[in-house]
């Protein structure tokens, strides 16, 4: 994926998340300002959502925090980190349960 395509993907994800929260572009810009990003305006949000402006790492971290998601979800990873952890724990429990069954049957 080239940089432009990546910017478009991340921008679309930000637009989706913002819409899910019921936030306007102006409201998201205001929330970013309140979080310390003083040069984040409605036009910044609009250009970012269109993929015309890349998201800097520190901005991505702040946006993820505002949306209550893991930063990797801005890049399209839809599953929260907790889902991956839960799946790993489920697998580990299954392996341990099977091992315990083998040992108790001996």
PDB file of N, CA and C in Angstrom:
ATOM      1  N   UNK A   1       0.844  -1.173   0.000  1.00  0.00           N
ATOM      2  CA  UNK A   1       0.000   0.000   0.000  1.00  0.00           C
ATOM      3  C   UNK A   1       0.892   1.239   0.000  1.00  0.00           C
ATOM      4  N   UNK A   2       0.612   2.169  -0.919  1.00  0.00           N
ATOM      5  CA  UNK A   2       1.411   3.390  -0.948  1.00  0.00           C
ATOM      6  C   UNK A   2       0.902   4.373   0.109  1.00  0.00           C
ATOM      7  N   UNK A   3       1.662   5.442   0.310  1.00  0.00           N
ATOM      8  CA  UNK A   3       1.339   6.404   1.372  1.00  0.00           C
ATOM      9  C   UNK A   3      -0.035   7.034   1.159  1.00  0.00           C
ATOM     10  N   UNK A   4      -0.349   7.389  -0.056  1.00  0.00           N
ATOM     11  CA  UNK A   4      -1.643   8.033  -0.340  1.00  0.00           C
ATOM     12  C   UNK A   4      -2.798   7.095   0.007  1.00  0.00           C
ATOM     13  N   UNK A   5      -2.677   5.840  -0.397  1.00  0.00           N
ATOM     14  CA  UNK A   5      -3.724   4.860  -0.087  1.00  0.00           C
ATOM     15  C   UNK A   5      -3.852   4.664   1.416  1.00  0.00           C
ATOM     16  N   UNK A   6      -2.721   4.651   2.109  1.00  0.00           N
ATOM     17  CA  UNK A   6      -2.747   4.533   3.567  1.00  0.00           C
ATOM     18  C   UNK A   6      -3.423   5.720   4.217  1.00  0.00           C
ATOM     19  N   UNK A   7      -3.136   6.938   3.702  1.00  0.00           N
ATOM     20  CA  UNK A   7      -3.779   8.142   4.229  1.00  0.00           C
ATOM     21  C   UNK A   7      -5.291   8.087   4.019  1.00  0.00           C
ATOM     22  N   UNK A   8      -5.704   7.607   2.857  1.00  0.00           N
ATOM     23  CA  UNK A   8      -7.135   7.497   2.550  1.00  0.00           C
ATOM     24  C   UNK A   8      -7.802   6.492   3.476  1.00  0.00           C
ATOM     25  N   UNK A   9      -7.145   5.347   3.699  1.00  0.00           N
ATOM     26  CA  UNK A   9      -7.705   4.312   4.577  1.00  0.00           C
ATOM     27  C   UNK A   9      -7.847   4.818   6.002  1.00  0.00           C
ATOM     28  N   UNK A  10      -6.811   5.442   6.523  1.00  0.00           N
ATOM     29  CA  UNK A  10      -6.859   5.962   7.893  1.00  0.00           C
ATOM     30  C   UNK A  10      -7.886   7.091   7.995  1.00  0.00           C
ATOM     31  N   UNK A  11      -7.919   7.954   6.996  1.00  0.00           N
ATOM     32  CA  UNK A  11      -8.888   9.044   7.003  1.00  0.00           C
ATOM     33  C   UNK A  11     -10.318   8.542   7.006  1.00  0.00           C
ATOM     34  N   UNK A  12     -10.582   7.524   6.194  1.00  0.00           N
ATOM     35  CA  UNK A  12     -11.926   6.940   6.152  1.00  0.00           C
ATOM     36  C   UNK A  12     -12.287   6.309   7.493  1.00  0.00           C
ATOM     37  N   UNK A  13     -11.318   5.683   8.115  1.00  0.00           N
ATOM     38  CA  UNK A  13     -11.564   5.059   9.425  1.00  0.00           C
ATOM     39  C   UNK A  13     -11.880   6.131  10.466  1.00  0.00           C
ATOM     40  N   UNK A  14     -11.154   7.240  10.439  1.00  0.00           N
ATOM     41  CA  UNK A  14     -11.420   8.339  11.375  1.00  0.00           C
ATOM     42  C   UNK A  14     -12.827   8.883  11.136  1.00  0.00           C
ATOM     43  N   UNK A  15     -13.206   9.060   9.868  1.00  0.00           N
ATOM     44  CA  UNK A  15     -14.552   9.545   9.538  1.00  0.00           C
ATOM     45  C   UNK A  15     -15.616   8.580  10.068  1.00  0.00           C
ATOM     46  N   UNK A  16     -15.382   7.267   9.891  1.00  0.00           N
ATOM     47  CA  UNK A  16     -16.333   6.266  10.389  1.00  0.00           C
ATOM     48  C   UNK A  16     -16.461   6.326  11.909  1.00  0.00           C
ATOM     49  N   UNK A  17     -15.322   6.374  12.581  1.00  0.00           N
ATOM     50  CA  UNK A  17     -15.343   6.416  14.046  1.00  0.00           C
ATOM     51  C   UNK A  17     -16.018   7.690  14.552  1.00  0.00           C
ATOM     52  N   UNK A  18     -15.705   8.794  13.907  1.00  0.00           N
ATOM     53  CA  UNK A  18     -16.310  10.070  14.296  1.00  0.00           C
ATOM     54  C   UNK A  18     -17.829  10.000  14.133  1.00  0.00           C
ATOM     55  N   UNK A  19     -18.283   9.445  13.013  1.00  0.00           N
ATOM     56  CA  UNK A  19     -19.722   9.312  12.756  1.00  0.00           C
ATOM     57  C   UNK A  19     -20.382   8.386  13.779  1.00  0.00           C
ATOM     58  N   UNK A  20     -19.696   7.292  14.117  1.00  0.00           N
ATOM     59  CA  UNK A  20     -20.239   6.364  15.117  1.00  0.00           C
ATOM     60  C   UNK A  20     -20.427   7.045  16.467  1.00  0.00           C
ATOM     61  N   UNK A  21     -19.539   7.980  16.768  1.00  0.00           N
ATOM     62  CA  UNK A  21     -19.626   8.711  18.034  1.00  0.00           C
ATOM     63  C   UNK A  21     -20.686   9.826  17.966  1.00  0.00           C
ATOM     64  N   UNK A  22     -21.145  10.110  16.752  1.00  0.00           N
ATOM     65  CA  UNK A  22     -22.109  11.191  16.575  1.00  0.00           C
ATOM     66  C   UNK A  22     -21.474  12.572  16.653  1.00  0.00           C
ATOM     67  N   UNK A  23     -20.190  12.637  16.353  1.00  0.00           N
ATOM     68  CA  UNK A  23     -19.429  13.890  16.449  1.00  0.00           C
ATOM     69  C   UNK A  23     -19.334  14.566  15.093  1.00  0.00           C
ATOM     70  N   UNK A  24     -19.376  15.875  15.091  1.00  0.00           N
ATOM     71  CA  UNK A  24     -19.088  16.652  13.879  1.00  0.00           C
ATOM     72  C   UNK A  24     -17.572  16.780  13.746  1.00  0.00           C
ATOM     73  N   UNK A  25     -17.134  17.222  12.583  1.00  0.00           N
ATOM     74  CA  UNK A  25     -15.707  17.475  12.402  1.00  0.00           C
ATOM     75  C   UNK A  25     -15.245  18.572  13.362  1.00  0.00           C
ATOM     76  N   UNK A  26     -16.076  19.576  13.559  1.00  0.00           N
ATOM     77  CA  UNK A  26     -15.728  20.673  14.482  1.00  0.00           C
ATOM     78  C   UNK A  26     -15.594  20.173  15.905  1.00  0.00           C
ATOM     79  N   UNK A  27     -16.486  19.257  16.304  1.00  0.00           N
ATOM     80  CA  UNK A  27     -16.426  18.728  17.665  1.00  0.00           C
ATOM     81  C   UNK A  27     -15.152  17.907  17.867  1.00  0.00           C
ATOM     82  N   UNK A  28     -14.797  17.085  16.875  1.00  0.00           N
ATOM     83  CA  UNK A  28     -13.559  16.311  16.981  1.00  0.00           C
ATOM     84  C   UNK A  28     -12.358  17.252  17.080  1.00  0.00           C
ATOM     85  N   UNK A  29     -12.348  18.305  16.275  1.00  0.00           N
ATOM     86  CA  UNK A  29     -11.253  19.280  16.339  1.00  0.00           C
ATOM     87  C   UNK A  29     -11.186  19.917  17.724  1.00  0.00           C
ATOM     88  N   UNK A  30     -12.337  20.250  18.284  1.00  0.00           N
ATOM     89  CA  UNK A  30     -12.377  20.844  19.623  1.00  0.00           C
ATOM     90  C   UNK A  30     -11.850  19.861  20.678  1.00  0.00           C
ATOM     91  N   UNK A  31     -12.239  18.589  20.553  1.00  0.00           N
ATOM     92  CA  UNK A  31     -11.738  17.569  21.492  1.00  0.00           C
ATOM     93  C   UNK A  31     -10.221  17.421  21.385  1.00  0.00           C
ATOM     94  N   UNK A  32      -9.699  17.480  20.157  1.00  0.00           N
ATOM     95  CA  UNK A  32      -8.246  17.419  19.973  1.00  0.00           C
ATOM     96  C   UNK A  32      -7.585  18.646  20.595  1.00  0.00           C
ATOM     97  N   UNK A  33      -8.185  19.807  20.444  1.00  0.00           N
ATOM     98  CA  UNK A  33      -7.661  21.033  21.064  1.00  0.00           C
ATOM     99  C   UNK A  33      -7.615  20.873  22.570  1.00  0.00           C
ATOM    100  N   UNK A  34      -8.685  20.344  23.139  1.00  0.00           N
ATOM    101  CA  UNK A  34      -8.760  20.141  24.592  1.00  0.00           C
ATOM    102  C   UNK A  34      -7.721  19.132  25.068  1.00  0.00           C
ATOM    103  N   UNK A  35      -7.337  18.221  24.171  1.00  0.00           N
ATOM    104  CA  UNK A  35      -6.321  17.212  24.506  1.00  0.00           C
ATOM    105  C   UNK A  35      -4.905  17.743  24.306  1.00  0.00           C
ATOM    106  N   UNK A  36      -4.806  19.017  23.878  1.00  0.00           N
ATOM    107  CA  UNK A  36      -3.484  19.626  23.761  1.00  0.00           C
ATOM    108  C   UNK A  36      -3.006  19.898  22.352  1.00  0.00           C
ATOM    109  N   UNK A  37      -3.773  19.514  21.338  1.00  0.00           N
ATOM    110  CA  UNK A  37      -3.376  19.704  19.943  1.00  0.00           C
ATOM    111  C   UNK A  37      -4.011  20.997  19.441  1.00  0.00           C
ATOM    112  N   UNK A  38      -3.392  22.128  19.757  1.00  0.00           N
ATOM    113  CA  UNK A  38      -3.952  23.454  19.517  1.00  0.00           C
ATOM    114  C   UNK A  38      -4.096  23.813  18.042  1.00  0.00           C
ATOM    115  N   UNK A  39      -3.354  23.204  17.148  1.00  0.00           N
ATOM    116  CA  UNK A  39      -3.434  23.516  15.719  1.00  0.00           C
ATOM    117  C   UNK A  39      -4.269  22.492  14.959  1.00  0.00           C
ATOM    118  N   UNK A  40      -5.230  21.903  15.628  1.00  0.00           N
ATOM    119  CA  UNK A  40      -6.112  20.907  15.012  1.00  0.00           C
ATOM    120  C   UNK A  40      -7.473  21.570  14.834  1.00  0.00           C
ATOM    121  N   UNK A  41      -7.853  21.844  13.579  1.00  0.00           N
ATOM    122  CA  UNK A  41      -9.074  22.576  13.261  1.00  0.00           C
ATOM    123  C   UNK A  41     -10.046  21.682  12.492  1.00  0.00           C
ATOM    124  N   UNK A  42     -11.252  22.183  12.256  1.00  0.00           N
ATOM    125  CA  UNK A  42     -12.239  21.437  11.472  1.00  0.00           C
ATOM    126  C   UNK A  42     -11.676  21.113  10.099  1.00  0.00           C
ATOM    127  N   UNK A  43     -10.992  22.057   9.475  1.00  0.00           N
ATOM    128  CA  UNK A  43     -10.401  21.825   8.154  1.00  0.00           C
ATOM    129  C   UNK A  43      -9.311  20.750   8.227  1.00  0.00           C
ATOM    130  N   UNK A  44      -8.627  20.662   9.356  1.00  0.00           N
ATOM    131  CA  UNK A  44      -7.623  19.602   9.557  1.00  0.00           C
ATOM    132  C   UNK A  44      -8.307  18.246   9.536  1.00  0.00           C
ATOM    133  N   UNK A  45      -9.435  18.154  10.245  1.00  0.00           N
ATOM    134  CA  UNK A  45     -10.202  16.903  10.274  1.00  0.00           C
ATOM    135  C   UNK A  45     -10.685  16.563   8.861  1.00  0.00           C
ATOM    136  N   UNK A  46     -11.241  17.553   8.157  1.00  0.00           N
ATOM    137  CA  UNK A  46     -11.763  17.317   6.808  1.00  0.00           C
ATOM    138  C   UNK A  46     -10.668  16.820   5.865  1.00  0.00           C
ATOM    139  N   UNK A  47      -9.522  17.472   5.876  1.00  0.00           N
ATOM    140  CA  UNK A  47      -8.414  17.072   4.987  1.00  0.00           C
ATOM    141  C   UNK A  47      -7.880  15.693   5.367  1.00  0.00           C
ATOM    142  N   UNK A  48      -7.849  15.408   6.667  1.00  0.00           N
ATOM    143  CA  UNK A  48      -7.378  14.098   7.135  1.00  0.00           C
ATOM    144  C   UNK A  48      -8.341  13.009   6.693  1.00  0.00           C
ATOM    145  N   UNK A  49      -9.639  13.249   6.862  1.00  0.00           N
ATOM    146  CA  UNK A  49     -10.630  12.242   6.488  1.00  0.00           C
ATOM    147  C   UNK A  49     -10.639  11.971   4.986  1.00  0.00           C
ATOM    148  N   UNK A  50     -10.297  12.949   4.184  1.00  0.00           N
ATOM    149  CA  UNK A  50     -10.227  12.768   2.725  1.00  0.00           C
ATOM    150  C   UNK A  50      -8.917  12.110   2.292  1.00  0.00           C
ATOM    151  N   UNK A  51      -7.968  11.963   3.209  1.00  0.00           N
ATOM    152  CA  UNK A  51      -6.668  11.390   2.864  1.00  0.00           C
ATOM    153  C   UNK A  51      -5.721  12.402   2.263  1.00  0.00           C
ATOM    154  N   UNK A  52      -6.084  13.680   2.323  1.00  0.00           N
ATOM    155  CA  UNK A  52      -5.234  14.741   1.773  1.00  0.00           C
ATOM    156  C   UNK A  52      -4.102  15.115   2.719  1.00  0.00           C
ATOM    157  N   UNK A  53      -4.239  14.729   3.969  1.00  0.00           N
ATOM    158  CA  UNK A  53      -3.268  15.079   5.005  1.00  0.00           C
ATOM    159  C   UNK A  53      -2.973  13.826   5.820  1.00  0.00           C
ATOM    160  N   UNK A  54      -1.698  13.462   5.977  1.00  0.00           N
ATOM    161  CA  UNK A  54      -1.382  12.282   6.784  1.00  0.00           C
ATOM    162  C   UNK A  54      -1.598  12.554   8.271  1.00  0.00           C
ATOM    163  N   UNK A  55      -1.857  11.497   9.001  1.00  0.00           N
ATOM    164  CA  UNK A  55      -1.974  11.586  10.448  1.00  0.00           C
ATOM    165  C   UNK A  55      -0.593  11.301  11.033  1.00  0.00           C
ATOM    166  N   UNK A  56      -0.105  12.223  11.822  1.00  0.00           N
ATOM    167  CA  UNK A  56       1.172  12.020  12.499  1.00  0.00           C
ATOM    168  C   UNK A  56       0.971  11.043  13.651  1.00  0.00           C
ATOM    169  N   UNK A  57       2.030  10.354  14.021  1.00  0.00           N
ATOM    170  CA  UNK A  57       1.925   9.328  15.054  1.00  0.00           C
ATOM    171  C   UNK A  57       1.332   9.876  16.349  1.00  0.00           C
ATOM    172  N   UNK A  58       1.825  11.011  16.811  1.00  0.00           N
ATOM    173  CA  UNK A  58       1.315  11.552  18.077  1.00  0.00           C
ATOM    174  C   UNK A  58      -0.158  11.948  17.955  1.00  0.00           C
ATOM    175  N   UNK A  59      -0.587  12.354  16.761  1.00  0.00           N
ATOM    176  CA  UNK A  59      -2.002  12.644  16.542  1.00  0.00           C
ATOM    177  C   UNK A  59      -2.824  11.355  16.554  1.00  0.00           C
ATOM    178  N   UNK A  60      -2.290  10.310  15.933  1.00  0.00           N
ATOM    179  CA  UNK A  60      -2.986   9.023  15.909  1.00  0.00           C
ATOM    180  C   UNK A  60      -3.198   8.501  17.325  1.00  0.00           C
ATOM    181  N   UNK A  61      -2.188   8.649  18.162  1.00  0.00           N
ATOM    182  CA  UNK A  61      -2.323   8.205  19.552  1.00  0.00           C
ATOM    183  C   UNK A  61      -3.413   8.997  20.274  1.00  0.00           C
ATOM    184  N   UNK A  62      -3.452  10.309  20.049  1.00  0.00           N
ATOM    185  CA  UNK A  62      -4.470  11.150  20.684  1.00  0.00           C
ATOM    186  C   UNK A  62      -5.865  10.810  20.153  1.00  0.00           C
ATOM    187  N   UNK A  63      -5.990  10.618  18.845  1.00  0.00           N
ATOM    188  CA  UNK A  63      -7.281  10.263  18.252  1.00  0.00           C
ATOM    189  C   UNK A  63      -7.777   8.925  18.785  1.00  0.00           C
ATOM    190  N   UNK A  64      -6.888   7.952  18.840  1.00  0.00           N
ATOM    191  CA  UNK A  64      -7.268   6.637  19.364  1.00  0.00           C
ATOM    192  C   UNK A  64      -7.761   6.756  20.802  1.00  0.00           C
ATOM    193  N   UNK A  65      -7.085   7.569  21.584  1.00  0.00           N
ATOM    194  CA  UNK A  65      -7.498   7.783  22.972  1.00  0.00           C
ATOM    195  C   UNK A  65      -8.891   8.416  23.027  1.00  0.00           C
ATOM    196  N   UNK A  66      -9.129   9.411  22.198  1.00  0.00           N
ATOM    197  CA  UNK A  66     -10.444  10.066  22.176  1.00  0.00           C
ATOM    198  C   UNK A  66     -11.548   9.106  21.760  1.00  0.00           C
ATOM    199  N   UNK A  67     -11.249   8.233  20.795  1.00  0.00           N
ATOM    200  CA  UNK A  67     -12.243   7.270  20.329  1.00  0.00           C
ATOM    201  C   UNK A  67     -12.346   6.051  21.250  1.00  0.00           C
ATOM    202  N   UNK A  68     -11.408   5.911  22.177  1.00  0.00           N
ATOM    203  CA  UNK A  68     -11.430   4.773  23.101  1.00  0.00           C
ATOM    204  C   UNK A  68     -11.047   3.466  22.432  1.00  0.00           C
ATOM    205  N   UNK A  69     -10.102   3.547  21.501  1.00  0.00           N
ATOM    206  CA  UNK A  69      -9.671   2.362  20.761  1.00  0.00           C
ATOM    207  C   UNK A  69      -8.151   2.244  20.821  1.00  0.00           C
ATOM    208  N   UNK A  70      -7.652   1.098  20.401  1.00  0.00           N
ATOM    209  CA  UNK A  70      -6.220   0.901  20.231  1.00  0.00           C
ATOM    210  C   UNK A  70      -5.800   1.593  18.948  1.00  0.00           C
ATOM    211  N   UNK A  71      -4.625   2.179  18.934  1.00  0.00           N
ATOM    212  CA  UNK A  71      -4.165   2.940  17.764  1.00  0.00           C
ATOM    213  C   UNK A  71      -4.137   2.087  16.496  1.00  0.00           C
ATOM    214  N   UNK A  72      -3.931   0.792  16.621  1.00  0.00           N
ATOM    215  CA  UNK A  72      -3.906  -0.068  15.433  1.00  0.00           C
ATOM    216  C   UNK A  72      -5.262  -0.108  14.740  1.00  0.00           C
ATOM    217  N   UNK A  73      -6.325   0.194  15.460  1.00  0.00           N
ATOM    218  CA  UNK A  73      -7.658   0.198  14.857  1.00  0.00           C
ATOM    219  C   UNK A  73      -7.845   1.365  13.889  1.00  0.00           C
ATOM    220  N   UNK A  74      -7.020   2.390  13.998  1.00  0.00           N
ATOM    221  CA  UNK A  74      -7.088   3.484  13.028  1.00  0.00           C
ATOM    222  C   UNK A  74      -6.616   3.035  11.656  1.00  0.00           C
ATOM    223  N   UNK A  75      -5.780   2.011  11.634  1.00  0.00           N
ATOM    224  CA  UNK A  75      -5.253   1.508  10.367  1.00  0.00           C
ATOM    225  C   UNK A  75      -6.125   0.401   9.782  1.00  0.00           C
ATOM    226  N   UNK A  76      -7.262   0.162  10.397  1.00  0.00           N
ATOM    227  CA  UNK A  76      -8.178  -0.819   9.843  1.00  0.00           C
ATOM    228  C   UNK A  76      -8.318  -2.090  10.649  1.00  0.00           C
ATOM    229  N   UNK A  77      -7.474  -2.293  11.643  1.00  0.00           N
ATOM    230  CA  UNK A  77      -7.620  -3.459  12.508  1.00  0.00           C
ATOM    231  C   UNK A  77      -8.870  -3.232  13.346  1.00  0.00           C
ATOM    232  N   UNK A  78      -9.965  -3.888  12.986  1.00  0.00           N
ATOM    233  CA  UNK A  78     -11.265  -3.624  13.590  1.00  0.00           C
ATOM    234  C   UNK A  78     -11.446  -4.249  14.975  1.00  0.00           C
ATOM    235  N   UNK A  79     -10.677  -5.275  15.258  1.00  0.00           N
ATOM    236  CA  UNK A  79     -10.868  -5.954  16.530  1.00  0.00           C
ATOM    237  C   UNK A  79     -10.082  -5.282  17.641  1.00  0.00           C
ATOM    238  N   UNK A  80     -10.744  -4.982  18.741  1.00  0.00           N
ATOM    239  CA  UNK A  80     -10.019  -4.414  19.878  1.00  0.00           C
ATOM    240  C   UNK A  80      -8.955  -5.372  20.395  1.00  0.00           C
ATOM    241  N   UNK A  81      -7.950  -4.805  21.019  1.00  0.00           N
ATOM    242  CA  UNK A  81      -6.861  -5.592  21.573  1.00  0.00           C
ATOM    243  C   UNK A  81      -7.394  -6.657  22.539  1.00  0.00           C
ATOM    244  N   UNK A  82      -8.442  -6.334  23.267  1.00  0.00           N
ATOM    245  CA  UNK A  82      -9.026  -7.269  24.241  1.00  0.00           C
ATOM    246  C   UNK A  82      -9.531  -8.541  23.555  1.00  0.00           C
ATOM    247  N   UNK A  83     -10.040  -8.422  22.329  1.00  0.00           N
ATOM    248  CA  UNK A  83     -10.531  -9.597  21.606  1.00  0.00           C
ATOM    249  C   UNK A  83      -9.372 -10.537  21.313  1.00  0.00           C
ATOM    250  N   UNK A  84      -8.229  -9.975  20.885  1.00  0.00           N
ATOM    251  CA  UNK A  84      -7.056 -10.808  20.603  1.00  0.00           C
ATOM    252  C   UNK A  84      -6.553 -11.477  21.884  1.00  0.00           C
ATOM    253  N   UNK A  85      -6.530 -10.731  22.978  1.00  0.00           N
ATOM    254  CA  UNK A  85      -6.095 -11.305  24.249  1.00  0.00           C
ATOM    255  C   UNK A  85      -7.038 -12.414  24.691  1.00  0.00           C
ATOM    256  N   UNK A  86      -8.336 -12.184  24.560  1.00  0.00           N
ATOM    257  CA  UNK A  86      -9.327 -13.185  24.964  1.00  0.00           C
ATOM    258  C   UNK A  86      -9.180 -14.451  24.133  1.00  0.00           C
ATOM    259  N   UNK A  87      -8.947 -14.297  22.831  1.00  0.00           N
ATOM    260  CA  UNK A  87      -8.761 -15.462  21.963  1.00  0.00           C
ATOM    261  C   UNK A  87      -7.522 -16.239  22.393  1.00  0.00           C
ATOM    262  N   UNK A  88      -6.454 -15.532  22.724  1.00  0.00           N
ATOM    263  CA  UNK A  88      -5.234 -16.192  23.188  1.00  0.00           C
ATOM    264  C   UNK A  88      -5.445 -16.918  24.503  1.00  0.00           C
ATOM    265  N   UNK A  89      -6.175 -16.293  25.414  1.00  0.00           N
ATOM    266  CA  UNK A  89      -6.477 -16.934  26.693  1.00  0.00           C
ATOM    267  C   UNK A  89      -7.356 -18.162  26.496  1.00  0.00           C
ATOM    268  N   UNK A  90      -8.322 -18.059  25.598  1.00  0.00           N
ATOM    269  CA  UNK A  90      -9.197 -19.200  25.316  1.00  0.00           C
ATOM    270  C   UNK A  90      -8.376 -20.377  24.815  1.00  0.00           C
ATOM    271  N   UNK A  91      -7.462 -20.117  23.893  1.00  0.00           N
ATOM    272  CA  UNK A  91      -6.604 -21.177  23.358  1.00  0.00           C
ATOM    273  C   UNK A  91      -5.734 -21.782  24.453  1.00  0.00           C
ATOM    274  N   UNK A  92      -5.161 -20.943  25.314  1.00  0.00           N
ATOM    275  CA  UNK A  92      -4.303 -21.432  26.396  1.00  0.00           C
ATOM    276  C   UNK A  92      -5.106 -22.286  27.376  1.00  0.00           C
ATOM    277  N   UNK A  93      -6.304 -21.864  27.698  1.00  0.00           N
ATOM    278  CA  UNK A  93      -7.151 -22.632  28.613  1.00  0.00           C
ATOM    279  C   UNK A  93      -7.489 -23.985  27.997  1.00  0.00           C
ATOM    280  N   UNK A  94      -7.784 -23.991  26.710  1.00  0.00           N
ATOM    281  CA  UNK A  94      -8.093 -25.250  26.022  1.00  0.00           C
ATOM    282  C   UNK A  94      -6.904 -26.207  26.094  1.00  0.00           C
ATOM    283  N   UNK A  95      -5.718 -25.731  25.805  1.00  0.00           N
ATOM    284  CA  UNK A  95      -4.511 -26.563  25.845  1.00  0.00           C
ATOM    285  C   UNK A  95      -4.291 -27.101  27.256  1.00  0.00           C
ATOM    286  N   UNK A  96      -4.407 -26.245  28.251  1.00  0.00           N
ATOM    287  CA  UNK A  96      -4.217 -26.678  29.638  1.00  0.00           C
ATOM    288  C   UNK A  96      -5.275 -27.681  30.072  1.00  0.00           C
ATOM    289  N   UNK A  97      -6.504 -27.472  29.651  1.00  0.00           N
ATOM    290  CA  UNK A  97      -7.584 -28.409  29.992  1.00  0.00           C
ATOM    291  C   UNK A  97      -7.315 -29.783  29.394  1.00  0.00           C
ATOM    292  N   UNK A  98      -6.896 -29.811  28.150  1.00  0.00           N
ATOM    293  CA  UNK A  98      -6.577 -31.086  27.500  1.00  0.00           C
ATOM    294  C   UNK A  98      -5.412 -31.786  28.196  1.00  0.00           C
ATOM    295  N   UNK A  99      -4.402 -31.014  28.572  1.00  0.00           N
ATOM    296  CA  UNK A  99      -3.251 -31.586  29.274  1.00  0.00           C
ATOM    297  C   UNK A  99      -3.682 -32.151  30.628  1.00  0.00           C
ATOM    298  N   UNK A 100      -4.529 -31.439  31.323  1.00  0.00           N
ATOM    299  CA  UNK A 100      -5.028 -31.897  32.627  1.00  0.00           C
ATOM    300  C   UNK A 100      -5.825 -33.183  32.472  1.00  0.00           C
ATOM    301  N   UNK A 101      -6.632 -33.270  31.442  1.00  0.00           N
ATOM    302  CA  UNK A 101      -7.413 -34.491  31.189  1.00  0.00           C
ATOM    303  C   UNK A 101      -6.488 -35.681  30.971  1.00  0.00           C
ATOM    304  N   UNK A 102      -5.422 -35.472  30.178  1.00  0.00           N
ATOM    305  CA  UNK A 102      -4.475 -36.549  29.906  1.00  0.00           C
ATOM    306  C   UNK A 102      -3.817 -37.032  31.193  1.00  0.00           C
ATOM    307  N   UNK A 103      -3.449 -36.096  32.033  1.00  0.00           N
ATOM    308  CA  UNK A 103      -2.741 -36.458  33.278  1.00  0.00           C
ATOM    309  C   UNK A 103      -3.666 -37.165  34.268  1.00  0.00           C
ATOM    310  N   UNK A 104      -4.915 -36.782  34.319  1.00  0.00           N
ATOM    311  CA  UNK A 104      -5.839 -37.401  35.288  1.00  0.00           C
ATOM    312  C   UNK A 104      -6.303 -38.767  34.803  1.00  0.00           C
ATOM    313  N   UNK A 105      -6.230 -39.046  33.513  1.00  0.00           N
ATOM    314  CA  UNK A 105      -6.626 -40.347  32.987  1.00  0.00           C
ATOM    315  C   UNK A 105      -5.518 -41.380  33.110  1.00  0.00           C
ATOM    316  N   UNK A 106      -4.308 -40.942  33.415  1.00  0.00           N
ATOM    317  CA  UNK A 106      -3.179 -41.882  33.529  1.00  0.00           C
ATOM    318  C   UNK A 106      -3.245 -42.652  34.806  1.00  0.00           C
TER     319      UNK A 106
END
